[in-house]
Amino acid sequence: MSDDSHPEDLQSILNQAETAWQNGETNFAIDCYNKALQITREQRDIQREGEILLGKGFALMSLQRFDDAISIFHSSKNIATSCGYVAQAQFVDGLISEAQSKAQSGIRSNSIQQLSLESRDDDHIQRTFARSFVEKELIVLVLNDQKETSDNAFSTEIMKALKSLSIACEFLNVRNNESLINAFKKEFDCPSLPMLFVAGKLLGGREDVVELSRKGRLKEVITSALPETISEEAKKQLFAAIDHCETSETCNSKHKERLLRMVLHVSQKVCAISHPPSRDEDLHRYFETRRDIPSESIVSSFIKEISQLLGNFPLPCNLLKEAATPIAVVDYIEANCPAQGDCRKLHLFQLLI
């Protein structure tokens, strides 16, 4: 089976799991989830794996296999934590507590399945996650940043606008996840993505935000929407999360080089070996040279450190699938990250390598 067929096969398997769940064929649903998990692990798609684990956890709960469900939920939580998805990790924590409570109370299986089905039918899980995610940071942008979607042009323009403001912003890329897209649309009564949130409240959909940006009023409107408890100093810091690069041509010409030095340095640091990778070296193979440490753990540390150096821009867990080499990671950063880092800080990496 070729890798190209996996995405279609994966969706087909998940559709089977959903149908089986609705028909009460829970054991078959679990078998489908296991097949889906195998595919996501082959693809190293950690984010999708975490989502599928949630479905399997609910199926296990409906069979009163509480210990197994709790173990699966913990795995999902660990993935969310490793990816930096704080709100999702907290949400899964609640599911773990619920499973532990039901195990202690001995609630009947059919009651659990009915409750879970009602939750799924009402998009309860996705809508709860959507609400909790936008409330965890002051500024949150939810987008569907896929080249093949009509949302992409709006996403690109909004990302550029946020970059120009140097604003501290949390991002969520739903990546064509229809259930999550619909959850955001329903929960916030907004017809399309992207959506920009300030202090847990929807500032506007894509046309609203783009129009504000074009009129030069985006910073003004964001500032006025902040809670009154936010001090003036905190507001200044909010709009100075990433220092602007120097405007000289020298900085612009060396920016890619400095980003590359950053990626090479972090690669060597998290792998803790004597030499950095070359600019075109496969990073998975480079990280696998440390046979005493799981490569997944090294990749997770690498993505976290790069993210922190980019103003906590949330890089995807499967970054190395999209950008396998150091120079490809740099290209990804330049194409996707609104704030590509502070050149004055990146300049230090010239002394480190």
Protein backbone atom coordinates (compact mmCIF):
# COMPACT_ATOMS: atom_id res chain seq x y z
CA MET A 1 0.00 0.00 0.00
CA SER A 2 1.47 3.31 -1.00
CA ASP A 3 1.71 6.28 1.32
CA ASP A 4 -0.41 8.30 -1.10
CA SER A 5 -3.43 6.10 -0.37
CA HIS A 6 -3.18 6.47 3.40
CA PRO A 7 -5.14 9.73 3.85
CA GLU A 8 -8.13 8.36 1.93
CA ASP A 9 -7.86 4.98 3.67
CA LEU A 10 -7.61 6.71 7.04
CA GLN A 11 -10.77 8.74 6.50
CA SER A 12 -12.60 5.65 5.24
CA ILE A 13 -11.60 3.72 8.35
CA LEU A 14 -12.67 6.57 10.63
CA ASN A 15 -16.03 6.73 8.82
CA GLN A 16 -16.46 3.01 9.47
CA ALA A 17 -15.64 3.54 13.14
CA GLU A 18 -18.21 6.34 13.37
CA THR A 19 -20.92 4.22 11.71
CA ALA A 20 -20.13 1.23 13.91
CA TRP A 21 -20.28 3.46 16.99
CA GLN A 22 -23.67 4.84 16.00
CA ASN A 23 -24.98 1.30 15.43
CA GLY A 24 -23.73 0.05 18.79
CA GLU A 25 -21.03 -2.15 17.19
CA THR A 26 -18.44 -0.91 19.66
CA ASN A 27 -15.89 -3.73 19.31
CA PHE A 28 -15.75 -3.22 15.55
CA ALA A 29 -15.38 0.54 16.12
CA ILE A 30 -12.38 -0.15 18.36
CA ASP A 31 -10.84 -2.36 15.65
CA CYS A 32 -11.23 0.53 13.20
CA TYR A 33 -9.64 2.97 15.62
CA ASN A 34 -6.68 0.58 16.03
CA LYS A 35 -6.20 0.43 12.26
CA ALA A 36 -6.40 4.22 12.06
CA LEU A 37 -3.83 4.57 14.83
CA GLN A 38 -1.44 2.29 12.95
CA ILE A 39 -1.67 4.53 9.88
CA THR A 40 -1.13 7.77 11.83
CA ARG A 41 1.90 6.25 13.56
CA GLU A 42 3.38 5.20 10.23
CA GLN A 43 2.84 8.76 9.01
CA ARG A 44 4.16 10.16 12.31
CA ASP A 45 1.04 12.33 12.46
CA ILE A 46 1.03 12.79 16.24
CA GLN A 47 -1.75 15.40 16.27
CA ARG A 48 -4.19 13.10 14.41
CA GLU A 49 -3.15 10.18 16.61
CA GLY A 50 -4.21 12.14 19.70
CA GLU A 51 -7.64 12.81 18.18
CA ILE A 52 -8.18 9.15 17.27
CA LEU A 53 -7.15 8.05 20.77
CA LEU A 54 -10.02 10.14 22.15
CA GLY A 55 -12.52 8.24 19.99
CA LYS A 56 -11.10 4.92 21.09
CA GLY A 57 -11.23 6.02 24.72
CA PHE A 58 -14.96 6.77 24.48
CA ALA A 59 -15.59 3.41 22.83
CA LEU A 60 -13.76 1.65 25.65
CA MET A 61 -15.81 3.53 28.23
CA SER A 62 -19.03 2.31 26.63
CA LEU A 63 -17.79 -1.26 27.19
CA GLN A 64 -17.03 -0.46 30.85
CA ARG A 65 -13.32 -1.03 30.17
CA PHE A 66 -12.52 1.94 32.35
CA ASP A 67 -8.87 1.15 33.08
CA ASP A 68 -8.17 0.76 29.36
CA ALA A 69 -10.05 3.98 28.61
CA ILE A 70 -8.10 5.90 31.25
CA SER A 71 -4.83 4.59 29.81
CA ILE A 72 -5.85 5.69 26.30
CA PHE A 73 -6.92 9.12 27.55
CA HIS A 74 -3.55 9.52 29.28
CA SER A 75 -1.81 8.76 25.95
CA SER A 76 -3.95 11.39 24.24
CA LYS A 77 -3.16 13.89 27.00
CA ASN A 78 0.58 13.21 26.68
CA ILE A 79 0.41 13.96 22.97
CA ALA A 80 -1.51 17.18 23.59
CA THR A 81 1.05 18.21 26.23
CA SER A 82 4.03 17.39 23.99
CA CYS A 83 2.49 19.51 21.22
CA GLY A 84 1.92 22.41 23.61
CA TYR A 85 -1.89 22.21 23.38
CA VAL A 86 -2.63 23.25 26.95
CA ALA A 87 -6.39 23.59 26.55
CA GLN A 88 -6.72 20.19 24.90
CA ALA A 89 -4.62 18.56 27.65
CA GLN A 90 -6.87 20.12 30.29
CA PHE A 91 -9.94 18.88 28.43
CA VAL A 92 -8.59 15.31 28.35
CA ASP A 93 -7.81 15.63 32.05
CA GLY A 94 -11.53 16.16 32.57
CA LEU A 95 -12.29 12.99 30.58
CA ILE A 96 -9.87 11.03 32.74
CA SER A 97 -11.62 12.28 35.88
CA GLU A 98 -14.99 11.38 34.36
CA ALA A 99 -13.80 7.86 33.51
CA GLN A 100 -12.41 7.39 37.02
CA SER A 101 -15.69 8.61 38.53
CA LYS A 102 -17.78 6.26 36.39
CA ALA A 103 -15.50 3.36 37.26
CA GLN A 104 -16.03 4.01 40.96
CA SER A 105 -19.79 4.47 40.65
CA GLY A 106 -20.27 1.35 38.51
CA ILE A 107 -22.48 3.16 36.00
CA ARG A 108 -24.10 0.81 33.50
CA SER A 109 -22.62 0.40 30.03
CA ASN A 110 -25.73 1.39 28.09
CA SER A 111 -26.00 4.62 30.08
CA ILE A 112 -22.43 5.53 29.23
CA GLN A 113 -22.89 4.79 25.56
CA GLN A 114 -26.07 6.84 25.42
CA LEU A 115 -24.33 9.76 27.13
CA SER A 116 -21.35 9.50 24.77
CA LEU A 117 -23.60 9.30 21.70
CA GLU A 118 -25.52 12.37 22.81
CA SER A 119 -22.24 14.20 23.35
CA ARG A 120 -21.01 13.25 19.89
CA ASP A 121 -24.33 14.09 18.21
CA ASP A 122 -24.31 17.54 19.77
CA ASP A 123 -20.65 18.13 18.90
CA HIS A 124 -20.17 18.51 22.63
CA ILE A 125 -16.55 17.39 22.65
CA GLN A 126 -15.42 19.59 19.78
CA ARG A 127 -17.38 22.63 20.95
CA THR A 128 -16.08 22.31 24.52
CA PHE A 129 -12.54 22.12 23.19
CA ALA A 130 -13.15 25.11 20.89
CA ARG A 131 -14.40 27.24 23.78
CA SER A 132 -11.61 26.22 26.16
CA PHE A 133 -8.91 26.82 23.54
CA VAL A 134 -9.84 30.43 22.77
CA GLU A 135 -10.09 31.28 26.47
CA LYS A 136 -6.57 30.19 27.37
CA GLU A 137 -4.70 33.16 25.81
CA LEU A 138 -5.49 36.84 25.27
CA ILE A 139 -5.12 36.68 21.48
CA VAL A 140 -6.04 33.52 19.54
CA LEU A 141 -6.25 32.99 15.77
CA VAL A 142 -8.12 29.92 14.52
CA LEU A 143 -7.45 29.19 10.87
CA ASN A 144 -7.70 26.52 8.20
CA ASP A 145 -4.39 27.25 6.53
CA GLN A 146 -4.46 24.75 3.67
CA LYS A 147 -3.38 25.74 0.15
CA GLU A 148 -6.34 23.99 -1.45
CA THR A 149 -8.98 25.86 0.58
CA SER A 150 -10.61 29.21 -0.10
CA ASP A 151 -9.66 30.22 3.45
CA ASN A 152 -5.95 30.28 2.62
CA ALA A 153 -5.79 33.75 1.06
CA PHE A 154 -7.56 35.27 4.07
CA SER A 155 -5.32 33.32 6.47
CA THR A 156 -2.19 34.57 4.71
CA GLU A 157 -3.34 38.20 4.86
CA ILE A 158 -4.29 37.98 8.54
CA MET A 159 -1.01 36.28 9.43
CA LYS A 160 0.86 39.10 7.71
CA ALA A 161 -1.20 41.65 9.63
CA LEU A 162 -0.40 39.99 12.96
CA LYS A 163 3.24 39.78 11.98
CA SER A 164 3.30 43.53 11.32
CA LEU A 165 1.94 44.11 14.86
CA SER A 166 4.55 41.82 16.45
CA ILE A 167 1.72 40.53 18.61
CA ALA A 168 1.82 37.67 21.12
CA CYS A 169 -0.74 35.31 19.60
CA GLU A 170 -1.77 31.69 20.03
CA PHE A 171 -2.61 29.81 16.83
CA LEU A 172 -4.79 26.82 16.03
CA ASN A 173 -4.65 25.38 12.52
CA VAL A 174 -7.63 23.02 12.13
CA ARG A 175 -6.14 21.53 8.94
CA ASN A 176 -9.40 20.59 7.18
CA ASN A 177 -10.79 18.88 10.30
CA GLU A 178 -14.47 19.28 9.36
CA SER A 179 -15.85 18.36 12.80
CA LEU A 180 -13.65 20.97 14.50
CA ILE A 181 -14.37 23.59 11.82
CA ASN A 182 -18.11 23.08 12.31
CA ALA A 183 -17.68 23.22 16.09
CA PHE A 184 -16.10 26.67 15.88
CA LYS A 185 -18.75 27.89 13.43
CA LYS A 186 -21.59 26.69 15.67
CA GLU A 187 -20.09 27.70 18.99
CA PHE A 188 -19.32 31.25 17.89
CA ASP A 189 -22.03 31.71 15.22
CA CYS A 190 -19.48 32.62 12.57
CA PRO A 191 -19.80 31.27 9.01
CA SER A 192 -16.15 30.89 8.09
CA LEU A 193 -12.51 30.71 9.15
CA PRO A 194 -10.17 32.32 10.07
CA MET A 195 -11.53 33.69 13.36
CA LEU A 196 -9.66 36.08 15.65
CA PHE A 197 -10.40 36.03 19.37
CA VAL A 198 -9.48 38.56 22.05
CA ALA A 199 -9.88 37.59 25.71
CA GLY A 200 -12.06 34.61 24.77
CA LYS A 201 -14.46 36.64 22.63
CA LEU A 202 -14.74 36.61 18.85
CA LEU A 203 -13.31 39.84 17.42
CA GLY A 204 -14.38 38.93 13.90
CA GLY A 205 -14.38 36.48 11.04
CA ARG A 206 -12.15 36.65 8.03
CA GLU A 207 -13.77 39.59 6.21
CA ASP A 208 -13.96 41.62 9.44
CA VAL A 209 -10.33 41.10 10.37
CA VAL A 210 -9.02 41.68 6.85
CA GLU A 211 -11.03 44.90 6.58
CA LEU A 212 -9.69 46.16 9.92
CA SER A 213 -6.17 45.33 8.80
CA ARG A 214 -6.56 47.12 5.48
CA LYS A 215 -7.87 50.23 7.24
CA GLY A 216 -4.98 50.14 9.73
CA ARG A 217 -7.35 49.76 12.70
CA LEU A 218 -6.57 46.20 13.77
CA LYS A 219 -4.27 47.13 16.67
CA GLU A 220 -6.70 49.79 17.88
CA VAL A 221 -9.67 47.39 17.90
CA ILE A 222 -7.68 44.58 19.56
CA THR A 223 -6.49 46.97 22.27
CA SER A 224 -10.02 48.24 22.98
CA ALA A 225 -11.28 44.65 23.28
CA LEU A 226 -8.76 43.74 25.97
CA PRO A 227 -10.07 43.42 29.55
CA GLU A 228 -9.93 46.58 31.65
CA THR A 229 -7.79 44.72 34.18
CA ILE A 230 -4.90 44.59 31.68
CA SER A 231 -2.35 47.27 32.56
CA GLU A 232 -0.88 49.65 30.00
CA GLU A 233 2.52 48.02 30.49
CA ALA A 234 1.03 44.58 29.80
CA LYS A 235 -0.57 45.94 26.62
CA LYS A 236 2.79 47.25 25.45
CA GLN A 237 4.37 43.87 26.09
CA LEU A 238 1.56 42.18 24.19
CA PHE A 239 2.49 44.15 21.08
CA ALA A 240 6.22 43.69 21.57
CA ALA A 241 6.37 39.93 21.92
CA ILE A 242 8.69 39.72 18.93
CA ASP A 243 11.12 42.53 18.26
CA HIS A 244 11.16 43.82 14.72
CA CYS A 245 14.21 42.93 12.71
CA GLU A 246 16.46 45.78 11.78
CA THR A 247 15.30 47.35 8.55
CA SER A 248 18.71 47.45 6.94
CA GLU A 249 19.41 45.45 3.82
CA THR A 250 22.19 43.69 5.70
CA CYS A 251 19.68 42.18 8.13
CA ASN A 252 17.30 41.10 5.37
CA SER A 253 20.04 39.41 3.39
CA LYS A 254 21.31 37.49 6.40
CA HIS A 255 17.97 36.62 7.96
CA LYS A 256 17.71 33.20 6.29
CA GLU A 257 21.29 32.42 7.29
CA ARG A 258 20.56 33.29 10.92
CA LEU A 259 17.41 31.18 10.94
CA LEU A 260 19.41 28.27 9.55
CA ARG A 261 22.05 28.68 12.25
CA MET A 262 19.28 28.61 14.84
CA VAL A 263 17.83 25.37 13.43
CA LEU A 264 21.25 23.72 13.22
CA HIS A 265 22.14 24.76 16.76
CA VAL A 266 18.88 23.51 18.26
CA SER A 267 19.19 20.24 16.31
CA GLN A 268 22.62 19.60 17.80
CA LYS A 269 21.54 20.72 21.28
CA VAL A 270 18.53 18.39 21.59
CA CYS A 271 20.45 15.48 20.08
CA ALA A 272 23.51 16.18 22.27
CA ILE A 273 26.11 14.91 19.82
CA SER A 274 29.40 16.46 18.71
CA HIS A 275 28.37 17.82 15.32
CA PRO A 276 25.31 19.59 13.89
CA PRO A 277 23.47 18.24 10.84
CA SER A 278 24.21 19.58 7.40
CA ARG A 279 21.68 21.97 5.89
CA ASP A 280 20.24 19.23 3.62
CA GLU A 281 20.48 16.30 6.04
CA ASP A 282 17.36 14.32 6.94
CA LEU A 283 16.64 15.33 10.54
CA HIS A 284 14.86 12.10 11.45
CA ARG A 285 17.97 10.14 10.51
CA TYR A 286 20.17 12.64 12.32
CA PHE A 287 18.13 12.32 15.53
CA GLU A 288 18.10 8.53 15.26
CA THR A 289 21.88 8.48 15.73
CA ARG A 290 21.11 8.79 19.45
CA ARG A 291 20.00 5.18 19.94
CA ASP A 292 19.63 5.61 23.72
CA ILE A 293 16.85 8.22 23.39
CA PRO A 294 13.58 7.68 21.48
CA SER A 295 13.69 9.81 18.34
CA GLU A 296 10.10 10.94 18.99
CA SER A 297 11.26 12.54 22.23
CA ILE A 298 14.11 14.35 20.48
CA VAL A 299 11.78 15.59 17.72
CA SER A 300 9.34 16.89 20.33
CA SER A 301 12.12 18.79 22.13
CA PHE A 302 13.40 20.18 18.83
CA ILE A 303 9.96 21.54 17.85
CA LYS A 304 9.38 23.02 21.32
CA GLU A 305 12.70 24.88 21.35
CA ILE A 306 12.28 26.25 17.83
CA SER A 307 8.75 27.34 18.74
CA GLN A 308 9.98 29.22 21.83
CA LEU A 309 12.62 31.03 19.80
CA LEU A 310 9.87 32.13 17.40
CA GLY A 311 7.78 33.79 20.08
CA ASN A 312 5.98 30.53 20.98
CA PHE A 313 4.59 30.16 17.46
CA PRO A 314 2.93 26.69 17.54
CA LEU A 315 4.74 24.59 14.98
CA PRO A 316 2.92 21.38 13.93
CA CYS A 317 3.84 18.15 15.69
CA ASN A 318 4.53 16.58 12.31
CA LEU A 319 6.77 19.46 11.21
CA LEU A 320 9.50 17.12 9.99
CA LYS A 321 7.03 15.41 7.71
CA GLU A 322 6.47 18.73 5.95
CA ALA A 323 10.06 19.93 6.33
CA ALA A 324 12.54 17.07 6.66
CA THR A 325 15.82 19.00 6.51
CA PRO A 326 17.17 22.08 8.33
CA ILE A 327 16.88 24.29 5.24
CA ALA A 328 13.32 23.02 4.67
CA VAL A 329 12.48 23.95 8.28
CA VAL A 330 13.78 27.46 7.60
CA ASP A 331 11.64 27.68 4.45
CA TYR A 332 8.61 26.56 6.48
CA ILE A 333 9.28 29.21 9.13
CA GLU A 334 9.64 31.97 6.54
CA ALA A 335 6.43 30.88 4.79
CA ASN A 336 4.23 30.33 7.85
CA CYS A 337 5.47 32.10 10.97
CA PRO A 338 4.12 35.65 11.38
CA ALA A 339 7.09 36.62 13.56
CA GLN A 340 10.23 34.91 12.35
CA GLY A 341 12.30 35.75 15.40
CA ASP A 342 14.45 38.60 16.57
CA CYS A 343 17.55 39.01 14.42
CA ARG A 344 19.39 40.49 17.39
CA LYS A 345 18.86 37.19 19.19
CA LEU A 346 19.48 35.05 16.11
CA HIS A 347 22.77 36.90 15.66
CA LEU A 348 24.03 35.13 18.79
CA PHE A 349 23.87 31.79 16.98
CA GLN A 350 26.74 32.90 14.77
CA LEU A 351 28.89 32.65 17.88
CA LEU A 352 27.49 29.27 18.93
CA ILE A 353 28.18 27.28 15.75
